[in-house]
Protein backbone atom coordinates (compact mmCIF):
# COMPACT_ATOMS: atom_id res chain seq x y z
CA MET A 1 0.00 0.00 0.00
CA PRO A 2 1.15 3.59 -0.58
CA LEU A 3 2.51 5.31 2.53
CA VAL A 4 1.64 8.68 4.06
CA ARG A 5 3.15 11.52 2.03
CA PRO A 6 4.62 14.41 4.04
CA THR A 7 3.79 18.00 3.20
CA ARG A 8 5.93 19.79 0.63
CA LEU A 9 8.28 22.52 1.80
CA ALA A 10 7.61 26.22 1.42
CA PRO A 11 10.08 29.13 1.41
CA GLY A 12 11.37 29.67 4.93
CA ALA A 13 10.91 26.03 5.97
CA ARG A 14 13.35 24.80 8.62
CA VAL A 15 15.48 21.83 7.51
CA ALA A 16 17.41 19.92 10.18
CA VAL A 17 20.70 18.38 9.02
CA VAL A 18 21.70 15.21 10.89
CA ALA A 19 24.55 12.67 10.58
CA PRO A 20 23.24 9.14 11.32
CA SER A 21 26.20 7.44 9.63
CA GLY A 22 29.74 8.47 8.74
CA PRO A 23 31.82 11.54 9.66
CA VAL A 24 31.03 14.75 7.81
CA PRO A 25 33.60 17.00 6.07
CA GLU A 26 32.98 20.50 7.42
CA GLU A 27 33.80 22.27 4.14
CA ARG A 28 31.27 20.19 2.20
CA LEU A 29 28.68 20.66 4.94
CA GLN A 30 29.02 24.43 4.74
CA ALA A 31 28.69 24.29 0.95
CA GLY A 32 25.52 22.21 1.30
CA LEU A 33 24.06 24.62 3.83
CA ASP A 34 24.67 27.44 1.36
CA VAL A 35 22.72 25.52 -1.29
CA LEU A 36 19.78 25.13 1.08
CA ARG A 37 19.88 28.83 1.98
CA GLY A 38 19.88 29.59 -1.75
CA TRP A 39 16.55 27.75 -1.96
CA ASP A 40 15.18 30.09 0.73
CA LEU A 41 15.21 27.30 3.31
CA GLU A 42 16.55 27.63 6.85
CA PRO A 43 19.06 24.86 7.66
CA VAL A 44 19.52 23.88 11.31
CA VAL A 45 22.61 21.77 12.04
CA ALA A 46 22.20 19.11 14.73
CA ALA A 47 24.57 19.22 17.68
CA HIS A 48 26.76 16.23 16.80
CA VAL A 49 26.95 16.46 13.01
CA LEU A 50 30.68 17.23 12.99
CA ASP A 51 31.59 14.73 15.71
CA ARG A 52 33.84 11.74 15.10
CA HIS A 53 33.77 8.54 17.14
CA ALA A 54 36.82 8.31 19.43
CA GLU A 55 37.60 4.70 18.49
CA PHE A 56 35.73 3.99 15.25
CA ASP A 57 36.51 6.94 13.02
CA TYR A 58 34.09 5.73 10.35
CA LEU A 59 31.23 6.91 12.60
CA ALA A 60 30.05 10.51 13.08
CA GLY A 61 30.23 10.36 16.87
CA GLY A 62 28.73 7.90 19.34
CA ASP A 63 25.58 5.92 18.62
CA PRO A 64 23.50 7.60 21.39
CA ASP A 65 24.45 11.07 20.13
CA ARG A 66 23.66 10.31 16.49
CA ALA A 67 20.33 8.75 17.47
CA ALA A 68 19.48 11.67 19.77
CA ASP A 69 20.18 14.20 17.01
CA LEU A 70 17.82 12.42 14.62
CA GLN A 71 15.07 11.94 17.17
CA ARG A 72 15.34 15.51 18.51
CA ALA A 73 15.10 16.92 14.99
CA TRP A 74 12.17 14.70 14.10
CA CYS A 75 10.22 15.54 17.25
CA ASP A 76 10.89 19.30 17.02
CA PRO A 77 7.60 20.85 15.84
CA SER A 78 9.47 23.77 14.27
CA VAL A 79 11.37 21.44 11.90
CA ASP A 80 9.71 20.71 8.54
CA ALA A 81 12.26 18.30 7.06
CA VAL A 82 15.24 16.19 8.09
CA LEU A 83 18.10 15.94 5.61
CA CYS A 84 20.96 13.53 6.21
CA ALA A 85 24.47 14.92 5.83
CA ARG A 86 26.08 11.84 4.25
CA GLY A 87 26.09 8.04 4.17
CA GLY A 88 29.00 5.73 4.87
CA TYR A 89 28.10 3.38 7.70
CA GLY A 90 26.33 3.62 11.05
CA ALA A 91 22.58 4.00 10.50
CA GLN A 92 21.95 0.36 11.42
CA ARG A 93 23.62 0.94 14.78
CA ILE A 94 21.09 3.61 15.81
CA VAL A 95 17.79 2.21 14.51
CA ASP A 96 17.07 0.34 17.75
CA LEU A 97 17.95 3.40 19.85
CA LEU A 98 15.17 5.55 18.40
CA ASP A 99 11.84 6.04 20.20
CA TRP A 100 9.56 5.15 17.33
CA ASP A 101 6.40 5.84 19.34
CA ALA A 102 7.54 9.40 20.03
CA MET A 103 8.56 9.88 16.40
CA ARG A 104 5.19 8.59 15.20
CA ALA A 105 3.41 10.97 17.57
CA ALA A 106 5.43 13.88 16.15
CA GLY A 107 3.65 13.40 12.81
CA PRO A 108 4.98 13.13 9.26
CA LYS A 109 7.71 15.31 7.81
CA VAL A 110 10.13 15.12 4.92
CA PHE A 111 13.12 12.75 5.23
CA VAL A 112 15.95 12.68 2.67
CA GLY A 113 19.04 10.51 2.24
CA PHE A 114 20.48 7.49 0.42
CA SER A 115 23.26 4.88 0.58
CA ASP A 116 23.65 3.81 4.25
CA ILE A 117 20.42 5.72 4.95
CA THR A 118 18.62 2.79 3.27
CA ALA A 119 18.31 1.27 6.75
CA LEU A 120 16.35 4.33 7.88
CA HIS A 121 14.16 4.39 4.75
CA GLU A 122 13.13 0.85 5.63
CA ALA A 123 12.50 1.71 9.28
CA PHE A 124 10.51 4.86 8.46
CA ALA A 125 8.28 2.79 6.16
CA VAL A 126 7.78 -0.08 8.62
CA ARG A 127 7.59 1.86 11.89
CA LEU A 128 6.05 5.17 10.75
CA GLY A 129 4.22 4.22 7.56
CA LEU A 130 5.87 7.24 5.96
CA ALA A 131 6.98 7.95 2.39
CA THR A 132 10.58 9.18 2.17
CA LEU A 133 12.96 10.61 -0.45
CA HIS A 134 15.97 8.69 -1.76
CA GLY A 135 18.08 11.67 -2.77
CA PRO A 136 21.26 13.73 -2.42
CA MET A 137 22.53 14.60 1.06
CA ALA A 138 23.65 17.94 2.46
CA ALA A 139 27.40 17.19 2.58
CA GLY A 140 27.47 14.90 -0.42
CA VAL A 141 29.78 15.69 -3.33
CA ASP A 142 26.90 15.50 -5.81
CA PHE A 143 24.71 17.80 -3.76
CA VAL A 144 27.21 20.63 -3.57
CA LYS A 145 28.64 20.36 -7.10
CA ASN A 146 26.04 19.02 -9.53
CA ALA A 147 23.26 21.25 -10.88
CA ARG A 148 21.01 18.39 -12.05
CA ALA A 149 21.06 16.68 -8.64
CA GLN A 150 20.39 19.96 -6.89
CA GLU A 151 17.55 21.00 -9.17
CA HIS A 152 15.75 17.67 -9.09
CA LEU A 153 15.83 17.58 -5.29
CA ARG A 154 14.80 21.24 -5.06
CA ALA A 155 11.83 20.66 -7.36
CA THR A 156 10.81 17.53 -5.45
CA LEU A 157 10.88 19.41 -2.14
CA LEU A 158 9.28 22.71 -3.20
CA ALA A 159 7.29 21.99 -6.37
CA PRO A 160 6.72 18.21 -6.47
CA GLU A 161 3.93 18.47 -9.04
CA THR A 162 6.60 19.43 -11.60
CA VAL A 163 8.42 16.10 -11.27
CA ARG A 164 5.54 13.64 -11.52
CA VAL A 165 7.34 11.98 -14.46
CA ILE A 166 10.92 10.97 -13.71
CA ALA A 167 12.64 10.43 -17.05
CA SER A 168 15.99 8.77 -16.59
CA GLY A 169 17.12 7.95 -20.09
CA GLY A 170 17.47 4.37 -18.87
CA THR A 171 17.03 1.30 -21.06
CA ALA A 172 15.08 -1.91 -20.63
CA LEU A 173 16.95 -4.94 -19.36
CA VAL A 174 13.57 -6.67 -19.42
CA PRO A 175 10.89 -4.73 -21.37
CA GLY A 176 7.38 -3.94 -20.24
CA ARG A 177 5.27 -1.83 -17.92
CA ALA A 178 4.40 -2.35 -14.28
CA ARG A 179 2.53 -0.59 -11.52
CA GLY A 180 3.42 -0.66 -7.84
CA VAL A 181 4.67 1.22 -4.82
CA THR A 182 8.30 2.38 -4.88
CA LEU A 183 10.82 1.10 -2.34
CA GLY A 184 14.42 -0.02 -2.10
CA GLY A 185 17.83 1.63 -1.85
CA CYS A 186 21.40 0.38 -1.57
CA LEU A 187 21.54 -3.34 -2.42
CA SER A 188 24.10 -4.30 0.23
CA LEU A 189 22.06 -2.56 2.94
CA LEU A 190 18.84 -4.24 1.84
CA ALA A 191 20.60 -7.59 2.08
CA ALA A 192 22.00 -6.69 5.51
CA GLU A 193 18.52 -5.65 6.70
CA LEU A 194 16.93 -8.96 5.74
CA GLY A 195 15.22 -10.52 8.76
CA THR A 196 15.49 -7.47 11.02
CA PRO A 197 12.37 -6.04 12.70
CA HIS A 198 12.71 -2.71 10.87
CA ALA A 199 12.70 -4.09 7.33
CA ARG A 200 9.90 -5.12 5.01
CA PRO A 201 9.63 -8.91 4.65
CA SER A 202 9.22 -8.64 0.87
CA ALA A 203 8.84 -6.25 -2.04
CA ARG A 204 5.42 -7.71 -2.90
CA GLY A 205 3.42 -5.24 -4.99
CA GLY A 206 6.42 -2.94 -5.28
CA LEU A 207 8.68 -1.27 -7.78
CA LEU A 208 12.05 -2.10 -6.27
CA CYS A 209 14.91 0.39 -6.71
CA LEU A 210 18.44 -1.03 -6.43
CA GLU A 211 21.91 0.54 -6.62
CA ASP A 212 25.32 0.20 -4.97
CA VAL A 213 28.89 1.48 -5.05
CA GLY A 214 32.39 -0.04 -5.04
CA GLU A 215 31.33 -3.70 -5.06
CA GLU A 216 32.81 -6.64 -6.92
CA THR A 217 30.47 -8.72 -9.07
CA TYR A 218 30.58 -11.78 -6.83
CA ARG A 219 29.51 -9.68 -3.85
CA LEU A 220 26.58 -8.20 -5.77
CA ASP A 221 25.70 -11.76 -6.78
CA ARG A 222 25.72 -12.72 -3.10
CA TYR A 223 23.42 -9.83 -2.12
CA LEU A 224 20.94 -10.53 -4.91
CA THR A 225 20.97 -14.25 -4.21
CA GLN A 226 20.37 -13.59 -0.52
CA LEU A 227 17.34 -11.42 -1.34
CA LEU A 228 16.02 -14.10 -3.69
CA ARG A 229 16.54 -16.93 -1.19
CA GLY A 230 15.09 -14.84 1.65
CA GLY A 231 11.86 -14.16 -0.25
CA ARG A 232 12.49 -10.42 -0.39
CA LEU A 233 11.80 -10.32 -4.15
CA ASP A 234 8.65 -12.45 -3.98
CA GLY A 235 5.74 -10.67 -5.68
CA VAL A 236 7.76 -7.68 -6.88
CA HIS A 237 6.09 -5.92 -9.83
CA GLY A 238 9.12 -4.24 -11.40
CA VAL A 239 12.76 -3.33 -10.80
CA LEU A 240 14.61 -0.05 -11.33
CA LEU A 241 18.41 -0.28 -11.42
CA GLY A 242 20.32 2.88 -10.56
CA SER A 243 24.06 3.46 -10.55
CA TRP A 244 26.79 0.91 -9.90
CA GLU A 245 29.58 3.44 -9.44
CA LYS A 246 33.07 1.95 -9.01
CA CYS A 247 31.67 -1.58 -9.36
CA GLU A 248 33.48 -4.20 -11.41
CA ASP A 249 33.34 -4.68 -15.21
CA PRO A 250 30.03 -3.19 -16.49
CA GLY A 251 29.47 -5.96 -19.03
CA ARG A 252 29.89 -8.67 -16.43
CA LEU A 253 27.67 -6.74 -14.02
CA ARG A 254 24.93 -6.43 -16.64
CA ALA A 255 25.08 -10.18 -17.25
CA LEU A 256 24.74 -10.77 -13.50
CA LEU A 257 21.72 -8.47 -13.20
CA ALA A 258 20.05 -10.23 -16.12
CA ASP A 259 20.87 -13.62 -14.61
CA ARG A 260 19.56 -12.84 -11.12
CA LEU A 261 16.60 -10.58 -12.02
CA GLY A 262 15.55 -11.69 -15.49
CA GLY A 263 13.79 -14.76 -14.13
CA LEU A 264 11.39 -12.70 -12.01
CA GLY A 265 9.18 -12.20 -15.05
CA VAL A 266 8.76 -8.46 -14.43
CA PRO A 267 9.99 -5.32 -16.24
CA VAL A 268 13.53 -4.27 -15.31
CA VAL A 269 15.04 -0.92 -16.32
CA GLU A 270 18.76 -0.17 -16.01
CA GLU A 271 20.80 3.04 -15.83
CA PHE A 272 17.93 4.90 -14.17
CA GLY A 273 20.21 7.60 -12.77
CA PHE A 274 19.75 7.41 -9.00
CA GLY A 275 22.25 6.52 -6.30
CA HIS A 276 26.01 7.09 -6.20
CA CYS A 277 26.24 8.67 -9.65
CA GLU A 278 26.82 12.16 -10.94
CA GLY A 279 23.55 14.11 -11.22
CA ALA A 280 21.60 11.60 -9.15
CA LEU A 281 17.81 11.86 -9.37
CA THR A 282 15.60 11.99 -6.28
CA ILE A 283 13.27 8.98 -6.09
CA PRO A 284 10.34 8.98 -3.65
CA PHE A 285 9.82 5.74 -1.74
CA GLY A 286 6.34 4.68 -0.67
CA VAL A 287 4.32 6.19 -3.53
CA SER A 288 2.24 4.50 -6.24
CA ALA A 289 3.73 4.77 -9.69
CA GLU A 290 3.99 3.20 -13.13
CA LEU A 291 7.28 2.01 -14.53
CA ASP A 292 7.76 1.93 -18.32
CA ALA A 293 11.01 0.08 -18.85
CA ASP A 294 10.95 0.70 -22.60
CA THR A 295 10.92 4.50 -22.27
CA GLY A 296 12.92 4.61 -19.04
CA THR A 297 10.27 6.55 -17.15
CA LEU A 298 8.65 6.37 -13.73
CA THR A 299 5.31 8.18 -13.54
CA LEU A 300 4.03 8.95 -10.03
CA ASP A 301 0.29 8.72 -9.43
CA GLU A 302 0.56 11.74 -7.14
CA PRO A 303 3.34 14.21 -6.35
CA ALA A 304 5.99 12.82 -4.00
CA LEU A 305 4.91 15.29 -1.32
CA SER A 306 1.37 16.44 -0.58
């Protein structure tokens, strides 16, 4: 079923920036904040965004602090949206520390991120029943340097009716059309989430979006096979493949995707332009849409935000 769509942003909206995962480069953060201010939004930086864990320097501070920043921002009635600063690793470590009852009581608001944030997209869907945005993050390289990524996110946040049709220029790996509710994210994170209480048991009725970065073909094979064996792909209606930046041999990768996904008997589109690529598109998760693999388009039944 489609999930609850948050309200679109208006000029002057307050956007909290949090770091649920890896450490954040201050220079890139400041550049991202300038972009948000240029959209006439008011960024509010959470207390621990620039922290670094004393022992595990791949984390942006301690788990309790990262969780508290996210929960405080979400439960603040003056905050209209929560934008993650970057991915990396660490979101899985804080999911069980969040007070989901309090966050549900705070009501829906916009949530944006991708990569490691896949774990939170899953949790927001399962625990809050909320549609979210798989898109560029405030301290991400693409967000601060790429005009297409910036504009597509800006339009999705402030004028979502203008991006009802997401045209990627992608091509059909398996042709056809399919309808369903969008979901997904980073393939390795979806595989890691399998069987946890904050993840969907399957993609039944869905249009599943998959992407990843820096993985060898055999590892991607392992993740896809795990999802297949675990029933996560049972009943899926269609598959959208985003970027596979810094992954092994593209030809071999394409053969793997055809091998593992072609037998599902559903449309599959590749090179859809979301994820860890230059000019990444923002894809709403939790909304009803139609995929046309032949034209490389995703048409939303309603705007991503209400």
